[in-house]
Amino acid sequence: MNELNQAQAALLSGDLTRARGHLALVIQQEPDNVLAWLMLSEVVHQPERQRECLQRVLALEPHNQTAKKRLTAIDQPIIAPAKPTIAPSTVQKLNQQPQPARQPSNNPPTNTSLISMISIAIALVVLLIVAVIVLRGIPESPSEQSQSLQGLLGLAIAQR
């Protein structure tokens, strides 16, 4: 396995130190290897080093879109999300107005919960009906059970 393949395998396994070592050997042997420079830009941590690698790629291949996108991402400053601003007059108004006390809700169940309760009740009724049907089909006495078994055996023999 050549050094570039070993570097790629190390990169995929998350072993950045080993990947850097293999890539350094590749670049020493082939200083114009675009793929090695791109991969090296992935395994170095400092933005300056990443920028150097990507600039080297662009020097070798000026139209390399991957290098351009990565370089743009490095050069863009990280912007913290803006905090929403509230005008001071609005804050003063909010502070001056008394907030109404929340009353406990005695509202009837919403349509969704009512539908859920009806669905559960229907399911219970269906289960009860199935249970009654099953229990009625079970013979009660041992003699009825043996008659049922004889009837089943008779059917099995007759079908042969």
Protein backbone atom coordinates (compact mmCIF):
# COMPACT_ATOMS: atom_id res chain seq x y z
CA MET A 1 0.00 0.00 0.00
CA ASN A 2 1.52 3.32 -0.98
CA GLU A 3 1.89 6.27 1.37
CA LEU A 4 -1.09 8.20 -0.04
CA ASN A 5 -3.42 5.23 0.47
CA GLN A 6 -2.06 4.75 3.99
CA ALA A 7 -2.64 8.44 4.70
CA GLN A 8 -6.19 8.17 3.42
CA ALA A 9 -6.85 5.08 5.57
CA ALA A 10 -5.43 6.85 8.63
CA LEU A 11 -7.55 9.94 7.90
CA LEU A 12 -10.70 7.83 7.59
CA SER A 13 -9.94 6.02 10.84
CA GLY A 14 -9.45 9.37 12.62
CA ASP A 15 -5.70 8.91 13.23
CA LEU A 16 -4.65 12.42 12.17
CA THR A 17 -1.09 12.09 13.48
CA ARG A 18 -0.40 9.01 11.38
CA ALA A 19 -2.12 10.62 8.37
CA ARG A 20 0.12 13.71 8.71
CA GLY A 21 3.22 11.48 8.76
CA HIS A 22 2.24 9.63 5.59
CA LEU A 23 1.27 12.86 3.84
CA ALA A 24 4.60 14.46 4.74
CA LEU A 25 6.38 11.55 3.03
CA VAL A 26 4.17 11.85 -0.05
CA ILE A 27 4.80 15.60 -0.31
CA GLN A 28 8.56 15.10 0.10
CA GLN A 29 8.50 12.61 -2.79
CA GLU A 30 5.87 14.42 -4.89
CA PRO A 31 5.70 18.13 -4.03
CA ASP A 32 3.10 18.73 -6.77
CA ASN A 33 0.60 16.10 -5.54
CA VAL A 34 -2.67 18.05 -5.28
CA LEU A 35 -4.53 15.31 -3.42
CA ALA A 36 -1.82 15.09 -0.76
CA TRP A 37 -1.96 18.86 -0.19
CA LEU A 38 -5.78 18.76 0.04
CA MET A 39 -5.65 15.91 2.53
CA LEU A 40 -2.94 17.68 4.53
CA SER A 41 -5.23 20.71 4.80
CA GLU A 42 -7.72 18.39 6.55
CA VAL A 43 -5.29 17.04 9.14
CA VAL A 44 -3.51 20.21 10.28
CA HIS A 45 -5.18 22.17 13.06
CA GLN A 46 -3.89 25.70 12.60
CA PRO A 47 -5.84 27.84 10.12
CA GLU A 48 -2.56 29.34 8.84
CA ARG A 49 -1.27 25.86 7.95
CA GLN A 50 -4.59 24.94 6.36
CA ARG A 51 -4.46 28.14 4.31
CA GLU A 52 -0.87 27.36 3.16
CA CYS A 53 -1.88 23.88 2.01
CA LEU A 54 -4.94 25.16 0.15
CA GLN A 55 -2.96 27.98 -1.48
CA ARG A 56 -0.47 25.37 -2.67
CA VAL A 57 -3.35 23.40 -4.21
CA LEU A 58 -4.60 26.53 -5.99
CA ALA A 59 -1.09 27.29 -7.23
CA LEU A 60 -1.03 23.81 -8.79
CA GLU A 61 -4.68 23.80 -9.90
CA PRO A 62 -6.12 27.34 -10.01
CA HIS A 63 -9.68 26.11 -10.66
CA ASN A 64 -9.84 23.53 -7.84
CA GLN A 65 -13.29 24.16 -6.33
CA THR A 66 -12.67 22.14 -3.19
CA ALA A 67 -9.65 24.24 -2.26
CA LYS A 68 -11.52 27.46 -3.05
CA LYS A 69 -14.46 26.49 -0.84
CA ARG A 70 -12.25 25.44 2.07
CA LEU A 71 -10.16 28.59 1.78
CA THR A 72 -13.30 30.73 1.81
CA ALA A 73 -14.54 28.88 4.90
CA ILE A 74 -11.23 29.50 6.70
CA ASP A 75 -11.17 33.19 5.77
CA GLN A 76 -14.74 33.87 6.95
CA PRO A 77 -14.76 35.07 10.54
CA ILE A 78 -16.96 33.19 12.92
CA ILE A 79 -19.87 35.47 13.74
CA ALA A 80 -21.69 35.01 17.00
CA PRO A 81 -25.46 34.96 16.65
CA ALA A 82 -26.90 38.40 17.19
CA LYS A 83 -28.89 38.93 20.35
CA PRO A 84 -32.35 40.24 19.74
CA THR A 85 -32.56 43.85 20.75
CA ILE A 86 -35.56 45.35 22.45
CA ALA A 87 -36.04 49.05 22.44
CA PRO A 88 -35.60 50.58 25.91
CA SER A 89 -39.08 52.11 25.69
CA THR A 90 -40.58 48.65 25.17
CA VAL A 91 -38.73 47.31 28.20
CA GLN A 92 -40.04 50.19 30.30
CA LYS A 93 -43.61 49.53 29.12
CA LEU A 94 -43.31 45.85 29.93
CA ASN A 95 -41.98 46.62 33.39
CA GLN A 96 -44.76 49.14 34.13
CA GLN A 97 -47.70 46.97 33.08
CA PRO A 98 -48.94 44.56 35.74
CA GLN A 99 -49.02 40.98 34.54
CA PRO A 100 -52.38 39.25 35.01
CA ALA A 101 -52.29 36.24 37.30
CA ARG A 102 -52.74 32.97 35.48
CA GLN A 103 -55.87 31.12 36.47
CA PRO A 104 -55.92 27.33 36.51
CA SER A 105 -57.58 26.04 33.41
CA ASN A 106 -60.93 24.31 33.82
CA ASN A 107 -61.42 24.00 30.10
CA PRO A 108 -63.01 20.80 28.82
CA PRO A 109 -60.69 18.37 27.02
CA THR A 110 -59.69 19.39 23.53
CA ASN A 111 -60.98 17.53 20.52
CA THR A 112 -57.76 15.56 20.26
CA SER A 113 -57.91 14.22 23.80
CA LEU A 114 -61.65 13.50 23.46
CA ILE A 115 -61.02 11.51 20.29
CA SER A 116 -58.23 9.61 22.05
CA MET A 117 -60.54 8.71 24.94
CA ILE A 118 -63.28 7.52 22.57
CA SER A 119 -60.72 5.43 20.64
CA ILE A 120 -59.52 3.77 23.84
CA ALA A 121 -63.12 3.03 24.90
CA ILE A 122 -63.89 1.45 21.52
CA ALA A 123 -60.71 -0.66 21.70
CA LEU A 124 -61.69 -1.91 25.18
CA VAL A 125 -65.19 -2.84 24.01
CA VAL A 126 -63.76 -4.76 21.04
CA LEU A 127 -61.35 -6.61 23.34
CA LEU A 128 -64.22 -7.51 25.67
CA ILE A 129 -66.28 -8.87 22.76
CA VAL A 130 -63.34 -10.95 21.49
CA ALA A 131 -62.75 -12.33 24.99
CA VAL A 132 -66.41 -13.38 25.31
CA ILE A 133 -66.34 -15.08 21.90
CA VAL A 134 -63.13 -16.95 22.74
CA LEU A 135 -64.40 -18.04 26.16
CA ARG A 136 -67.68 -19.33 24.70
CA GLY A 137 -65.75 -21.48 22.22
CA ILE A 138 -63.78 -23.31 24.97
CA PRO A 139 -65.48 -26.53 26.12
CA GLU A 140 -66.39 -26.35 29.79
CA SER A 141 -66.31 -29.98 30.96
CA PRO A 142 -63.73 -32.71 30.31
CA SER A 143 -66.31 -34.77 28.41
CA GLU A 144 -67.02 -31.84 26.07
CA GLN A 145 -63.27 -31.46 25.60
CA SER A 146 -62.84 -35.12 24.68
CA GLN A 147 -65.80 -34.92 22.28
CA SER A 148 -64.15 -31.93 20.62
CA LEU A 149 -60.88 -33.84 20.31
CA GLN A 150 -62.67 -36.91 18.89
CA GLY A 151 -64.42 -34.68 16.41
CA LEU A 152 -61.13 -33.13 15.32
CA LEU A 153 -59.49 -36.56 15.03
CA GLY A 154 -62.43 -37.81 13.01
CA LEU A 155 -62.06 -34.87 10.64
CA ALA A 156 -58.34 -35.49 10.28
CA ILE A 157 -58.88 -39.21 9.52
CA ALA A 158 -61.71 -38.50 7.11
CA GLN A 159 -59.57 -36.02 5.16
CA ARG A 160 -56.87 -38.66 4.55
